[in-house]
């Protein structure tokens, strides 16, 4: 195992993705869909631009994922306030059921990942990881 920051970030992301897809294999959800449902849990009715930014997806990729989610009955697109140029995305009842499965899967993965990690260590990790995120976003210039 390589112990560089970039390797550990990449490896952990892939392990989480693999575990998530394994736990959700019988749900019919595919790559990209769980994170959108996870985002919509707290931001139902967001427009596509907001979802793309929050989920780190290109507009074209998001459109493809949303089309498949709409075909499966997980989401619906609505025009709000008569603005025909901007669709807002809402979870359907089926989407909400799948989102609950996503939340349960994330909880199991986090429980496993944090096994043997104290609450204090976890808070320190979040603080440092938050700084790394801010640095990469360009928010911190110290």
Protein backbone atom coordinates (compact mmCIF):
# COMPACT_ATOMS: atom_id res chain seq x y z
CA UNK A 1 0.00 0.00 0.00
CA UNK A 2 1.20 3.45 -0.91
CA UNK A 3 0.85 5.92 1.97
CA UNK A 4 0.72 9.13 -0.06
CA UNK A 5 -2.27 11.41 0.39
CA UNK A 6 -3.47 11.13 -3.20
CA UNK A 7 -3.27 7.33 -3.14
CA UNK A 8 -5.16 6.99 0.15
CA UNK A 9 -7.88 9.39 -1.01
CA UNK A 10 -8.28 7.55 -4.29
CA UNK A 11 -8.14 4.08 -2.72
CA UNK A 12 -10.66 4.94 0.00
CA UNK A 13 -13.04 6.45 -2.55
CA UNK A 14 -12.85 3.28 -4.65
CA UNK A 15 -13.36 1.04 -1.60
CA UNK A 16 -16.42 3.04 -0.52
CA UNK A 17 -17.80 2.97 -4.08
CA UNK A 18 -17.25 -0.80 -4.33
CA UNK A 19 -18.86 -1.46 -0.93
CA UNK A 20 -21.79 0.81 -1.76
CA UNK A 21 -22.49 -0.86 -5.09
CA UNK A 22 -22.15 -4.30 -3.48
CA UNK A 23 -24.71 -3.42 -0.80
CA UNK A 24 -27.06 -1.90 -3.37
CA UNK A 25 -26.64 -4.54 -6.09
CA UNK A 26 -30.20 -5.84 -5.71
CA UNK A 27 -31.77 -2.37 -5.86
CA UNK A 28 -31.13 -1.68 -9.55
CA UNK A 29 -29.19 1.48 -8.72
CA UNK A 30 -26.14 2.16 -10.87
CA UNK A 31 -23.04 4.33 -10.49
CA UNK A 32 -23.92 7.96 -9.89
CA UNK A 33 -27.49 7.33 -8.80
CA UNK A 34 -26.84 6.77 -5.06
CA UNK A 35 -25.02 10.08 -4.62
CA UNK A 36 -27.81 11.95 -6.40
CA UNK A 37 -30.44 10.33 -4.17
CA UNK A 38 -28.25 11.11 -1.15
CA UNK A 39 -28.05 14.76 -2.23
CA UNK A 40 -31.80 14.99 -2.94
CA UNK A 41 -32.53 13.66 0.57
CA UNK A 42 -31.73 17.14 1.91
CA UNK A 43 -32.18 19.14 -1.31
CA UNK A 44 -35.29 17.73 -2.99
CA UNK A 45 -36.42 20.09 -5.75
CA UNK A 46 -32.92 21.28 -6.65
CA UNK A 47 -32.23 22.25 -10.23
CA UNK A 48 -29.83 20.28 -12.39
CA UNK A 49 -27.06 22.87 -12.10
CA UNK A 50 -27.14 22.64 -8.29
CA UNK A 51 -27.08 18.84 -8.38
CA UNK A 52 -24.19 18.74 -10.86
CA UNK A 53 -22.11 21.08 -8.71
CA UNK A 54 -22.85 19.29 -5.43
CA UNK A 55 -22.22 15.82 -6.89
CA UNK A 56 -19.13 16.86 -8.88
CA UNK A 57 -20.66 15.81 -12.19
CA UNK A 58 -20.50 17.34 -15.65
CA UNK A 59 -23.86 18.53 -16.98
CA UNK A 60 -23.91 15.89 -19.74
CA UNK A 61 -23.14 13.05 -17.35
CA UNK A 62 -25.82 14.25 -14.94
CA UNK A 63 -28.41 14.42 -17.72
CA UNK A 64 -27.68 10.80 -18.68
CA UNK A 65 -27.96 9.64 -15.05
CA UNK A 66 -31.17 11.62 -14.47
CA UNK A 67 -32.74 10.24 -17.65
CA UNK A 68 -32.15 6.69 -16.38
CA UNK A 69 -33.44 7.59 -12.93
CA UNK A 70 -36.57 9.09 -14.47
CA UNK A 71 -37.10 5.93 -16.58
CA UNK A 72 -36.88 3.86 -13.38
CA UNK A 73 -39.41 6.10 -11.66
CA UNK A 74 -36.95 7.36 -9.04
CA UNK A 75 -37.23 11.06 -9.86
CA UNK A 76 -39.43 13.46 -11.73
CA UNK A 77 -38.54 16.71 -13.41
CA UNK A 78 -40.80 19.69 -12.82
CA UNK A 79 -40.90 23.22 -14.13
CA UNK A 80 -41.31 25.71 -11.30
CA UNK A 81 -42.49 29.31 -11.55
CA UNK A 82 -43.06 28.97 -15.30
CA UNK A 83 -39.31 28.89 -16.06
CA UNK A 84 -39.17 26.40 -18.93
CA UNK A 85 -35.36 26.57 -19.12
CA UNK A 86 -34.77 25.10 -15.67
CA UNK A 87 -36.09 21.77 -14.46
CA UNK A 88 -36.21 20.96 -10.77
CA UNK A 89 -35.64 17.39 -9.68
CA UNK A 90 -37.87 15.71 -7.11
CA UNK A 91 -37.70 12.20 -5.73
CA UNK A 92 -40.74 10.02 -6.27
CA UNK A 93 -41.98 7.68 -3.55
CA UNK A 94 -39.90 4.93 -5.17
CA UNK A 95 -36.88 7.24 -5.18
CA UNK A 96 -37.39 7.95 -1.48
CA UNK A 97 -37.47 4.20 -0.75
CA UNK A 98 -34.22 3.70 -2.65
CA UNK A 99 -32.70 6.72 -0.90
CA UNK A 100 -33.40 5.10 2.47
CA UNK A 101 -31.50 2.02 1.28
CA UNK A 102 -28.62 4.28 0.22
CA UNK A 103 -28.56 5.92 3.66
CA UNK A 104 -28.53 2.52 5.37
CA UNK A 105 -25.67 1.37 3.12
CA UNK A 106 -23.64 4.51 3.85
CA UNK A 107 -24.23 4.04 7.59
CA UNK A 108 -22.90 0.46 7.42
CA UNK A 109 -19.86 1.53 5.41
CA UNK A 110 -19.09 4.38 7.81
CA UNK A 111 -19.47 2.07 10.80
CA UNK A 112 -16.95 -0.34 9.30
CA UNK A 113 -14.60 2.45 8.23
CA UNK A 114 -14.60 4.02 11.70
CA UNK A 115 -14.14 0.78 13.62
CA UNK A 116 -11.43 1.40 16.22
CA UNK A 117 -11.42 5.16 15.62
CA UNK A 118 -12.24 7.24 18.69
CA UNK A 119 -14.69 10.13 18.56
CA UNK A 120 -11.79 12.52 19.16
CA UNK A 121 -9.74 11.00 16.32
CA UNK A 122 -12.74 11.23 14.03
CA UNK A 123 -13.30 14.91 14.87
CA UNK A 124 -9.61 15.62 14.22
CA UNK A 125 -9.80 13.76 10.93
CA UNK A 126 -12.87 15.75 9.86
CA UNK A 127 -11.13 19.02 10.72
CA UNK A 128 -8.01 18.14 8.72
CA UNK A 129 -9.96 16.64 5.83
CA UNK A 130 -12.17 19.73 5.77
CA UNK A 131 -9.07 21.91 5.45
CA UNK A 132 -7.78 19.75 2.61
CA UNK A 133 -11.12 20.07 0.86
CA UNK A 134 -11.13 23.85 1.32
CA UNK A 135 -7.56 24.06 -0.01
CA UNK A 136 -8.45 22.06 -3.10
CA UNK A 137 -11.54 24.18 -3.65
CA UNK A 138 -9.31 27.26 -3.51
CA UNK A 139 -11.09 28.69 -0.48
CA UNK A 140 -7.98 28.88 1.70
CA UNK A 141 -4.98 30.92 0.67
CA UNK A 142 -2.79 31.03 3.74
